[in-house]
Amino acid sequence: GNDNTISNLYIDSVSTEEVGLFAGTENAEIENVNLANTEVHALSASAAGLLIGAATNNSLTLTDVGVSGTLYCALNCGGVGGVLAVGNGESEITGINSDVTIWGDEIEGEDAPITNVGGIFGLVLGGDDADIQFDELQSSAFMWAINYDSQNMGGIVGEMALIGTGIDVALTNSEFD
């Protein structure tokens, strides 16, 4: 990212898949980039974030990333990313600043709760021997569930589902306002 800032990004999606600046990533490394005054509308998406819809395939490295803006979604919603699926790989999330407002509403046409909403990630998945390291996270998130029926809302991660053995997860030097 070369310390660049992308300002005033607006995404209005009717996709039922992943939505974000990067809809999906696999084994990605993203560093030194900021999103400012970003707005993402993704009420039908399976995962949504300002930066990443879903990071999959065992590895994600995020370093010195900042996001600010508003996200409208219903399922797997996070200020930085909707879903982080580590599998049995390694992910390192360091130096993240997320200042977001998340408006949850039911998926269009469905009467379902707003599920897995977090200031950094909505849903984190890990399997056997997964290694997930979170360090120096700053999250200031305002979350609002329009239909008042919500599940798994968290300042940093909405839900963390770890299945298997040998899993290592660490959260250090982090705070939620």
N, C-alpha and C. Protein backbone atom coordinates (compact mmCIF):
# COMPACT_ATOMS: atom_id res chain seq x y z
N GLY A 1 0.78 -1.20 0.00
CA GLY A 1 0.00 0.00 0.00
C GLY A 1 0.83 1.28 0.00
N ASN A 2 2.12 1.20 0.29
CA ASN A 2 2.99 2.37 0.30
C ASN A 2 2.44 3.53 1.12
N ASP A 3 1.75 3.22 2.21
CA ASP A 3 1.15 4.23 3.08
C ASP A 3 0.13 5.11 2.37
N ASN A 4 -0.47 4.61 1.32
CA ASN A 4 -1.50 5.36 0.60
C ASN A 4 -2.84 5.27 1.32
N THR A 5 -3.68 6.29 1.09
CA THR A 5 -5.04 6.33 1.62
C THR A 5 -6.02 6.38 0.47
N ILE A 6 -6.99 5.49 0.50
CA ILE A 6 -8.10 5.49 -0.46
C ILE A 6 -9.26 6.15 0.26
N SER A 7 -9.74 7.27 -0.28
CA SER A 7 -10.79 8.04 0.38
C SER A 7 -12.10 7.98 -0.39
N ASN A 8 -13.20 8.04 0.36
CA ASN A 8 -14.55 8.16 -0.20
C ASN A 8 -14.94 7.01 -1.12
N LEU A 9 -14.47 5.80 -0.82
CA LEU A 9 -14.87 4.61 -1.58
C LEU A 9 -16.32 4.29 -1.24
N TYR A 10 -17.13 4.03 -2.26
CA TYR A 10 -18.54 3.71 -2.07
C TYR A 10 -18.85 2.43 -2.85
N ILE A 11 -19.36 1.41 -2.15
CA ILE A 11 -19.74 0.15 -2.79
C ILE A 11 -21.19 -0.13 -2.43
N ASP A 12 -22.03 -0.33 -3.45
CA ASP A 12 -23.44 -0.69 -3.25
C ASP A 12 -23.66 -1.99 -3.99
N SER A 13 -23.70 -3.09 -3.27
CA SER A 13 -23.70 -4.41 -3.89
C SER A 13 -24.98 -5.20 -3.57
N VAL A 14 -25.46 -5.93 -4.55
CA VAL A 14 -26.57 -6.87 -4.35
C VAL A 14 -26.06 -8.31 -4.37
N SER A 15 -24.75 -8.47 -4.34
CA SER A 15 -24.13 -9.79 -4.38
C SER A 15 -24.51 -10.61 -3.15
N THR A 16 -24.68 -11.91 -3.35
CA THR A 16 -24.89 -12.83 -2.23
C THR A 16 -23.57 -13.46 -1.80
N GLU A 17 -22.49 -13.08 -2.43
CA GLU A 17 -21.16 -13.58 -2.09
C GLU A 17 -20.46 -12.57 -1.18
N GLU A 18 -19.14 -12.52 -1.23
CA GLU A 18 -18.35 -11.63 -0.40
C GLU A 18 -18.29 -10.23 -1.01
N VAL A 19 -18.28 -9.21 -0.14
CA VAL A 19 -18.24 -7.82 -0.59
C VAL A 19 -17.22 -7.04 0.23
N GLY A 20 -16.40 -6.24 -0.44
CA GLY A 20 -15.42 -5.35 0.18
C GLY A 20 -14.56 -4.78 -0.93
N LEU A 21 -13.57 -3.93 -0.58
CA LEU A 21 -12.63 -3.45 -1.60
C LEU A 21 -12.04 -4.66 -2.31
N PHE A 22 -11.63 -5.66 -1.53
CA PHE A 22 -11.25 -6.97 -2.07
C PHE A 22 -12.35 -7.93 -1.66
N ALA A 23 -13.16 -8.39 -2.60
CA ALA A 23 -14.27 -9.28 -2.25
C ALA A 23 -13.74 -10.54 -1.56
N GLY A 24 -12.73 -11.14 -2.12
CA GLY A 24 -12.13 -12.33 -1.53
C GLY A 24 -10.63 -12.32 -1.73
N THR A 25 -9.91 -12.87 -0.76
CA THR A 25 -8.46 -13.02 -0.88
C THR A 25 -8.09 -14.44 -0.51
N GLU A 26 -6.98 -14.93 -1.06
CA GLU A 26 -6.42 -16.22 -0.70
C GLU A 26 -4.93 -16.03 -0.45
N ASN A 27 -4.47 -16.44 0.73
CA ASN A 27 -3.05 -16.34 1.08
C ASN A 27 -2.51 -14.94 0.81
N ALA A 28 -3.22 -13.91 1.24
CA ALA A 28 -2.88 -12.52 0.92
C ALA A 28 -1.97 -11.88 1.96
N GLU A 29 -1.20 -10.90 1.50
CA GLU A 29 -0.43 -10.01 2.35
C GLU A 29 -0.82 -8.59 1.97
N ILE A 30 -1.39 -7.85 2.93
CA ILE A 30 -1.81 -6.47 2.70
C ILE A 30 -1.17 -5.63 3.79
N GLU A 31 -0.48 -4.56 3.38
CA GLU A 31 0.19 -3.74 4.38
C GLU A 31 0.22 -2.27 3.98
N ASN A 32 0.32 -1.41 5.02
CA ASN A 32 0.52 0.02 4.84
C ASN A 32 -0.50 0.68 3.92
N VAL A 33 -1.78 0.46 4.21
CA VAL A 33 -2.84 1.08 3.42
C VAL A 33 -3.96 1.52 4.36
N ASN A 34 -4.65 2.59 3.98
CA ASN A 34 -5.76 3.12 4.76
C ASN A 34 -6.96 3.35 3.87
N LEU A 35 -8.13 3.06 4.42
CA LEU A 35 -9.40 3.41 3.78
C LEU A 35 -10.06 4.46 4.65
N ALA A 36 -10.41 5.61 4.08
CA ALA A 36 -11.01 6.70 4.85
C ALA A 36 -12.38 7.04 4.28
N ASN A 37 -13.34 7.24 5.17
CA ASN A 37 -14.70 7.62 4.78
C ASN A 37 -15.28 6.65 3.74
N THR A 38 -15.18 5.37 4.04
CA THR A 38 -15.64 4.31 3.14
C THR A 38 -17.07 3.93 3.50
N GLU A 39 -17.89 3.62 2.50
CA GLU A 39 -19.26 3.20 2.73
C GLU A 39 -19.55 1.97 1.88
N VAL A 40 -19.97 0.88 2.55
CA VAL A 40 -20.27 -0.38 1.86
C VAL A 40 -21.68 -0.81 2.23
N HIS A 41 -22.52 -1.03 1.21
CA HIS A 41 -23.87 -1.55 1.37
C HIS A 41 -23.86 -2.99 0.85
N ALA A 42 -24.12 -3.95 1.74
CA ALA A 42 -24.01 -5.37 1.36
C ALA A 42 -25.02 -6.21 2.12
N LEU A 43 -26.29 -5.86 2.06
CA LEU A 43 -27.31 -6.54 2.86
C LEU A 43 -27.59 -7.98 2.41
N SER A 44 -27.22 -8.34 1.20
CA SER A 44 -27.45 -9.71 0.72
C SER A 44 -26.20 -10.57 0.78
N ALA A 45 -25.07 -10.00 1.18
CA ALA A 45 -23.78 -10.70 1.13
C ALA A 45 -23.65 -11.77 2.20
N SER A 46 -22.85 -12.80 1.89
CA SER A 46 -22.54 -13.83 2.88
C SER A 46 -21.42 -13.38 3.81
N ALA A 47 -20.66 -12.36 3.40
CA ALA A 47 -19.59 -11.80 4.22
C ALA A 47 -19.25 -10.42 3.67
N ALA A 48 -19.05 -9.45 4.57
CA ALA A 48 -18.74 -8.09 4.12
C ALA A 48 -17.82 -7.38 5.09
N GLY A 49 -16.89 -6.62 4.52
CA GLY A 49 -16.01 -5.77 5.29
C GLY A 49 -15.62 -4.58 4.44
N LEU A 50 -15.12 -3.53 5.06
CA LEU A 50 -14.69 -2.39 4.27
C LEU A 50 -13.50 -2.74 3.39
N LEU A 51 -12.56 -3.54 3.90
CA LEU A 51 -11.38 -3.91 3.12
C LEU A 51 -11.54 -5.25 2.42
N ILE A 52 -11.96 -6.30 3.17
CA ILE A 52 -12.02 -7.66 2.64
C ILE A 52 -13.37 -8.29 2.95
N GLY A 53 -14.00 -8.90 1.93
CA GLY A 53 -15.21 -9.67 2.19
C GLY A 53 -14.88 -10.94 2.95
N ALA A 54 -14.03 -11.79 2.36
CA ALA A 54 -13.61 -13.03 3.01
C ALA A 54 -12.16 -13.35 2.65
N ALA A 55 -11.35 -13.61 3.68
CA ALA A 55 -9.96 -14.02 3.50
C ALA A 55 -9.91 -15.52 3.77
N THR A 56 -9.56 -16.29 2.77
CA THR A 56 -9.61 -17.75 2.89
C THR A 56 -8.29 -18.40 2.48
N ASN A 57 -8.27 -19.71 2.60
CA ASN A 57 -7.19 -20.55 2.11
C ASN A 57 -5.94 -20.49 2.97
N ASN A 58 -6.15 -20.50 4.29
CA ASN A 58 -5.10 -20.77 5.26
C ASN A 58 -4.16 -19.66 5.65
N SER A 59 -4.16 -18.49 5.02
CA SER A 59 -3.18 -17.49 5.42
C SER A 59 -3.64 -16.08 5.08
N LEU A 60 -3.45 -15.16 6.04
CA LEU A 60 -3.64 -13.73 5.80
C LEU A 60 -2.66 -12.99 6.67
N THR A 61 -1.93 -12.06 6.06
CA THR A 61 -1.06 -11.16 6.81
C THR A 61 -1.54 -9.74 6.55
N LEU A 62 -1.99 -9.07 7.61
CA LEU A 62 -2.38 -7.66 7.55
C LEU A 62 -1.46 -6.90 8.48
N THR A 63 -0.81 -5.86 7.96
CA THR A 63 0.12 -5.08 8.76
C THR A 63 -0.12 -3.59 8.50
N ASP A 64 -0.30 -2.83 9.56
CA ASP A 64 -0.46 -1.38 9.48
C ASP A 64 -1.54 -0.97 8.49
N VAL A 65 -2.76 -1.39 8.81
CA VAL A 65 -3.94 -1.10 7.98
C VAL A 65 -4.93 -0.30 8.82
N GLY A 66 -5.51 0.74 8.21
CA GLY A 66 -6.54 1.52 8.89
C GLY A 66 -7.79 1.59 8.04
N VAL A 67 -8.95 1.47 8.69
CA VAL A 67 -10.22 1.61 7.98
C VAL A 67 -11.14 2.52 8.79
N SER A 68 -11.90 3.36 8.07
CA SER A 68 -12.94 4.15 8.73
C SER A 68 -14.10 4.27 7.76
N GLY A 69 -15.31 4.24 8.32
CA GLY A 69 -16.49 4.38 7.47
C GLY A 69 -17.68 3.66 8.04
N THR A 70 -18.61 3.33 7.13
CA THR A 70 -19.88 2.73 7.50
C THR A 70 -20.13 1.48 6.67
N LEU A 71 -20.62 0.43 7.35
CA LEU A 71 -20.92 -0.84 6.70
C LEU A 71 -22.37 -1.21 7.00
N TYR A 72 -23.13 -1.54 5.96
CA TYR A 72 -24.51 -2.00 6.09
C TYR A 72 -24.53 -3.47 5.67
N CYS A 73 -24.86 -4.36 6.62
CA CYS A 73 -24.83 -5.78 6.28
C CYS A 73 -25.64 -6.58 7.30
N ALA A 74 -25.75 -7.91 7.08
CA ALA A 74 -26.55 -8.75 7.96
C ALA A 74 -25.82 -10.00 8.45
N LEU A 75 -24.82 -10.46 7.74
CA LEU A 75 -24.18 -11.74 8.06
C LEU A 75 -22.67 -11.62 7.89
N ASN A 76 -21.91 -11.99 8.93
CA ASN A 76 -20.45 -11.99 8.87
C ASN A 76 -19.92 -10.62 8.45
N CYS A 77 -20.16 -9.63 9.31
CA CYS A 77 -19.81 -8.24 9.02
C CYS A 77 -18.66 -7.80 9.92
N GLY A 78 -17.60 -7.26 9.32
CA GLY A 78 -16.49 -6.75 10.11
C GLY A 78 -15.95 -5.47 9.52
N GLY A 79 -15.46 -4.59 10.38
CA GLY A 79 -14.90 -3.34 9.90
C GLY A 79 -13.79 -3.54 8.89
N VAL A 80 -12.89 -4.47 9.16
CA VAL A 80 -11.81 -4.79 8.22
C VAL A 80 -12.23 -5.91 7.28
N GLY A 81 -12.75 -7.02 7.82
CA GLY A 81 -13.13 -8.16 6.99
C GLY A 81 -14.32 -8.91 7.56
N GLY A 82 -15.13 -9.46 6.66
CA GLY A 82 -16.29 -10.23 7.09
C GLY A 82 -15.89 -11.57 7.68
N VAL A 83 -15.05 -12.33 6.96
CA VAL A 83 -14.63 -13.66 7.41
C VAL A 83 -13.12 -13.81 7.26
N LEU A 84 -12.48 -14.36 8.29
CA LEU A 84 -11.10 -14.80 8.24
C LEU A 84 -11.11 -16.30 8.45
N ALA A 85 -10.88 -17.06 7.38
CA ALA A 85 -10.89 -18.53 7.45
C ALA A 85 -9.46 -19.03 7.34
N VAL A 86 -8.88 -19.39 8.49
CA VAL A 86 -7.47 -19.75 8.56
C VAL A 86 -7.25 -21.22 8.22
N GLY A 87 -8.23 -22.09 8.45
CA GLY A 87 -8.01 -23.52 8.22
C GLY A 87 -6.92 -24.01 9.15
N ASN A 88 -5.88 -24.64 8.58
CA ASN A 88 -4.77 -25.12 9.40
C ASN A 88 -3.51 -24.29 9.14
N GLY A 89 -3.67 -23.07 8.67
CA GLY A 89 -2.53 -22.22 8.35
C GLY A 89 -2.22 -21.21 9.43
N GLU A 90 -1.48 -20.17 9.04
CA GLU A 90 -1.06 -19.13 9.95
C GLU A 90 -1.54 -17.78 9.45
N SER A 91 -2.03 -16.96 10.35
CA SER A 91 -2.41 -15.59 10.02
C SER A 91 -1.88 -14.65 11.08
N GLU A 92 -1.38 -13.49 10.64
CA GLU A 92 -0.87 -12.48 11.54
C GLU A 92 -1.52 -11.16 11.20
N ILE A 93 -2.24 -10.62 12.17
CA ILE A 93 -2.99 -9.38 12.01
C ILE A 93 -2.38 -8.38 12.99
N THR A 94 -1.65 -7.37 12.49
CA THR A 94 -0.86 -6.48 13.35
C THR A 94 -1.03 -5.02 12.95
N GLY A 95 -1.18 -4.15 13.93
CA GLY A 95 -1.22 -2.72 13.68
C GLY A 95 -2.47 -2.27 12.93
N ILE A 96 -3.62 -2.73 13.38
CA ILE A 96 -4.88 -2.43 12.70
C ILE A 96 -5.65 -1.37 13.49
N ASN A 97 -6.19 -0.38 12.77
CA ASN A 97 -7.04 0.64 13.38
C ASN A 97 -8.36 0.64 12.63
N SER A 98 -9.43 0.30 13.32
CA SER A 98 -10.76 0.22 12.71
C SER A 98 -11.70 1.16 13.44
N ASP A 99 -12.23 2.15 12.72
CA ASP A 99 -13.18 3.12 13.28
C ASP A 99 -14.42 3.08 12.40
N VAL A 100 -15.37 2.23 12.77
CA VAL A 100 -16.50 1.94 11.88
C VAL A 100 -17.85 2.04 12.59
N THR A 101 -18.86 2.30 11.78
CA THR A 101 -20.24 2.16 12.20
C THR A 101 -20.82 1.03 11.37
N ILE A 102 -21.40 0.05 12.05
CA ILE A 102 -21.98 -1.10 11.35
C ILE A 102 -23.48 -1.11 11.60
N TRP A 103 -24.25 -0.97 10.53
CA TRP A 103 -25.71 -1.01 10.59
C TRP A 103 -26.14 -2.39 10.14
N GLY A 104 -26.68 -3.18 11.06
CA GLY A 104 -27.16 -4.51 10.72
C GLY A 104 -28.63 -4.49 10.40
N ASP A 105 -29.00 -5.17 9.36
CA ASP A 105 -30.40 -5.34 8.99
C ASP A 105 -30.53 -6.74 8.43
N GLU A 106 -31.74 -7.29 8.47
CA GLU A 106 -31.91 -8.66 7.98
C GLU A 106 -31.61 -8.75 6.49
N ILE A 107 -31.17 -9.94 6.08
CA ILE A 107 -30.91 -10.19 4.67
C ILE A 107 -32.20 -9.96 3.92
N GLU A 108 -32.10 -9.25 2.83
CA GLU A 108 -33.30 -8.91 2.06
C GLU A 108 -34.12 -10.16 1.75
N GLY A 109 -35.39 -10.13 2.13
CA GLY A 109 -36.31 -11.23 1.85
C GLY A 109 -36.30 -12.33 2.88
N GLU A 110 -35.45 -12.23 3.91
CA GLU A 110 -35.37 -13.28 4.93
C GLU A 110 -35.62 -12.67 6.31
N ASP A 111 -36.26 -13.43 7.16
CA ASP A 111 -36.46 -13.01 8.53
C ASP A 111 -35.44 -13.75 9.39
N ALA A 112 -34.21 -13.23 9.41
CA ALA A 112 -33.12 -13.90 10.12
C ALA A 112 -32.39 -12.88 10.98
N PRO A 113 -31.75 -13.32 12.06
CA PRO A 113 -31.03 -12.38 12.92
C PRO A 113 -29.76 -11.86 12.26
N ILE A 114 -29.31 -10.70 12.72
CA ILE A 114 -28.02 -10.19 12.31
C ILE A 114 -26.99 -11.03 13.06
N THR A 115 -26.04 -11.63 12.34
CA THR A 115 -25.16 -12.63 12.95
C THR A 115 -23.69 -12.35 12.63
N ASN A 116 -22.84 -12.48 13.65
CA ASN A 116 -21.38 -12.38 13.53
C ASN A 116 -20.94 -11.01 13.06
N VAL A 117 -20.98 -10.05 13.97
CA VAL A 117 -20.60 -8.67 13.67
C VAL A 117 -19.47 -8.26 14.60
N GLY A 118 -18.35 -7.78 14.04
CA GLY A 118 -17.22 -7.36 14.85
C GLY A 118 -16.53 -6.13 14.31
N GLY A 119 -15.87 -5.40 15.19
CA GLY A 119 -15.17 -4.19 14.79
C GLY A 119 -14.02 -4.45 13.84
N ILE A 120 -13.36 -5.62 13.94
CA ILE A 120 -12.27 -5.98 13.02
C ILE A 120 -12.74 -7.07 12.05
N PHE A 121 -13.16 -8.24 12.58
CA PHE A 121 -13.69 -9.34 11.76
C PHE A 121 -15.03 -9.80 12.30
N GLY A 122 -15.94 -10.18 11.41
CA GLY A 122 -17.23 -10.72 11.83
C GLY A 122 -17.11 -12.15 12.32
N LEU A 123 -16.40 -12.99 11.56
CA LEU A 123 -16.26 -14.41 11.87
C LEU A 123 -14.82 -14.84 11.62
N VAL A 124 -14.21 -15.51 12.60
CA VAL A 124 -12.88 -16.08 12.44
C VAL A 124 -13.00 -17.59 12.59
N LEU A 125 -12.50 -18.33 11.60
CA LEU A 125 -12.55 -19.79 11.59
C LEU A 125 -11.13 -20.35 11.63
N GLY A 126 -10.92 -21.36 12.47
CA GLY A 126 -9.62 -22.01 12.54
C GLY A 126 -9.78 -23.51 12.73
N GLY A 127 -8.90 -24.29 12.11
CA GLY A 127 -8.93 -25.75 12.21
C GLY A 127 -7.67 -26.28 12.87
N ASP A 128 -7.45 -27.58 12.75
CA ASP A 128 -6.29 -28.23 13.35
C ASP A 128 -5.01 -27.45 13.07
N ASP A 129 -4.23 -27.22 14.12
CA ASP A 129 -2.91 -26.58 14.04
C ASP A 129 -2.94 -25.14 13.52
N ALA A 130 -4.07 -24.49 13.56
CA ALA A 130 -4.15 -23.09 13.14
C ALA A 130 -3.36 -22.22 14.10
N ASP A 131 -2.73 -21.19 13.56
CA ASP A 131 -1.97 -20.23 14.35
C ASP A 131 -2.45 -18.84 13.94
N ILE A 132 -3.18 -18.18 14.85
CA ILE A 132 -3.77 -16.87 14.56
C ILE A 132 -3.26 -15.88 15.59
N GLN A 133 -2.54 -14.87 15.13
CA GLN A 133 -1.94 -13.88 16.01
C GLN A 133 -2.52 -12.50 15.74
N PHE A 134 -3.14 -11.89 16.76
CA PHE A 134 -3.66 -10.54 16.69
C PHE A 134 -2.81 -9.67 17.61
N ASP A 135 -2.28 -8.57 17.11
CA ASP A 135 -1.44 -7.70 17.93
C ASP A 135 -1.66 -6.25 17.53
N GLU A 136 -1.73 -5.37 18.52
CA GLU A 136 -1.88 -3.93 18.31
C GLU A 136 -3.12 -3.59 17.48
N LEU A 137 -4.26 -4.08 17.95
CA LEU A 137 -5.53 -3.78 17.29
C LEU A 137 -6.22 -2.64 18.05
N GLN A 138 -6.73 -1.68 17.31
CA GLN A 138 -7.52 -0.59 17.87
C GLN A 138 -8.87 -0.64 17.18
N SER A 139 -9.92 -0.84 17.93
CA SER A 139 -11.25 -0.93 17.35
C SER A 139 -12.19 0.02 18.06
N SER A 140 -12.79 0.91 17.29
CA SER A 140 -13.83 1.78 17.79
C SER A 140 -15.03 1.55 16.88
N ALA A 141 -15.96 0.75 17.33
CA ALA A 141 -17.08 0.35 16.47
C ALA A 141 -18.41 0.67 17.14
N PHE A 142 -19.30 1.24 16.37
CA PHE A 142 -20.67 1.44 16.80
C PHE A 142 -21.51 0.47 15.99
N MET A 143 -22.20 -0.44 16.65
CA MET A 143 -23.00 -1.45 15.96
C MET A 143 -24.46 -1.26 16.28
N TRP A 144 -25.28 -1.31 15.27
CA TRP A 144 -26.70 -1.08 15.44
C TRP A 144 -27.46 -2.15 14.68
N ALA A 145 -28.25 -2.95 15.38
CA ALA A 145 -29.08 -3.98 14.75
C ALA A 145 -30.48 -3.41 14.58
N ILE A 146 -30.87 -3.16 13.34
CA ILE A 146 -32.13 -2.48 13.06
C ILE A 146 -33.33 -3.27 13.54
N ASN A 147 -33.32 -4.59 13.37
CA ASN A 147 -34.48 -5.37 13.80
C ASN A 147 -34.32 -5.90 15.23
N TYR A 148 -33.28 -5.46 15.92
CA TYR A 148 -33.02 -5.79 17.33
C TYR A 148 -32.82 -7.27 17.60
N ASP A 149 -32.70 -8.08 16.60
CA ASP A 149 -32.45 -9.51 16.77
C ASP A 149 -31.04 -9.78 16.27
N SER A 150 -30.11 -9.95 17.19
CA SER A 150 -28.72 -10.12 16.77
C SER A 150 -28.04 -11.22 17.57
N GLN A 151 -27.00 -11.79 16.95
CA GLN A 151 -26.22 -12.85 17.59
C GLN A 151 -24.75 -12.58 17.33
N ASN A 152 -23.92 -12.76 18.34
CA ASN A 152 -22.46 -12.71 18.20
C ASN A 152 -21.96 -11.36 17.72
N MET A 153 -22.12 -10.35 18.56
CA MET A 153 -21.59 -9.02 18.25
C MET A 153 -20.44 -8.74 19.20
N GLY A 154 -19.26 -8.38 18.66
CA GLY A 154 -18.10 -8.13 19.49
C GLY A 154 -17.29 -6.94 19.02
N GLY A 155 -16.61 -6.30 19.94
CA GLY A 155 -15.82 -5.12 19.61
C GLY A 155 -14.67 -5.40 18.66
N ILE A 156 -14.07 -6.58 18.75
CA ILE A 156 -12.97 -6.95 17.87
C ILE A 156 -13.39 -8.05 16.91
N VAL A 157 -13.95 -9.16 17.42
CA VAL A 157 -14.43 -10.27 16.59
C VAL A 157 -15.84 -10.63 17.04
N GLY A 158 -16.75 -10.83 16.07
CA GLY A 158 -18.11 -11.23 16.40
C GLY A 158 -18.18 -12.65 16.93
N GLU A 159 -17.63 -13.60 16.17
CA GLU A 159 -17.58 -15.00 16.61
C GLU A 159 -16.26 -15.62 16.16
N MET A 160 -15.67 -16.43 17.06
CA MET A 160 -14.47 -17.17 16.73
C MET A 160 -14.81 -18.65 16.87
N ALA A 161 -14.76 -19.38 15.77
CA ALA A 161 -15.08 -20.81 15.77
C ALA A 161 -13.81 -21.60 15.49
N LEU A 162 -13.31 -22.26 16.53
CA LEU A 162 -12.07 -23.03 16.43
C LEU A 162 -12.40 -24.49 16.64
N ILE A 163 -12.09 -25.30 15.63
CA ILE A 163 -12.45 -26.72 15.67
C ILE A 163 -11.20 -27.54 15.40
N GLY A 164 -10.79 -28.36 16.35
CA GLY A 164 -9.64 -29.22 16.14
C GLY A 164 -8.69 -29.16 17.30
N THR A 165 -7.45 -29.58 17.05
CA THR A 165 -6.43 -29.64 18.09
C THR A 165 -5.21 -28.83 17.66
N GLY A 166 -4.39 -28.48 18.62
CA GLY A 166 -3.15 -27.78 18.33
C GLY A 166 -3.35 -26.35 17.85
N ILE A 167 -4.46 -25.74 18.23
CA ILE A 167 -4.78 -24.39 17.77
C ILE A 167 -4.16 -23.35 18.71
N ASP A 168 -3.49 -22.34 18.12
CA ASP A 168 -2.87 -21.27 18.90
C ASP A 168 -3.48 -19.94 18.45
N VAL A 169 -4.11 -19.23 19.40
CA VAL A 169 -4.66 -17.91 19.13
C VAL A 169 -4.17 -16.96 20.20
N ALA A 170 -3.68 -15.80 19.78
CA ALA A 170 -3.19 -14.81 20.73
C ALA A 170 -3.74 -13.43 20.37
N LEU A 171 -4.20 -12.70 21.38
CA LEU A 171 -4.64 -11.32 21.23
C LEU A 171 -3.84 -10.50 22.23
N THR A 172 -2.96 -9.63 21.72
CA THR A 172 -2.09 -8.85 22.61
C THR A 172 -2.11 -7.37 22.23
N ASN A 173 -1.85 -6.52 23.21
CA ASN A 173 -1.69 -5.08 23.00
C ASN A 173 -2.83 -4.46 22.21
N SER A 174 -4.07 -4.84 22.52
CA SER A 174 -5.22 -4.41 21.73
C SER A 174 -6.28 -3.78 22.61
N GLU A 175 -7.13 -2.94 22.00
CA GLU A 175 -8.20 -2.33 22.78
C GLU A 175 -9.41 -2.01 21.90
N PHE A 176 -10.54 -1.96 22.61
CA PHE A 176 -11.82 -1.62 21.98
C PHE A 176 -12.42 -0.46 22.74
N ASP A 177 -12.81 0.58 22.00
CA ASP A 177 -13.47 1.74 22.62
C ASP A 177 -14.96 1.59 22.50
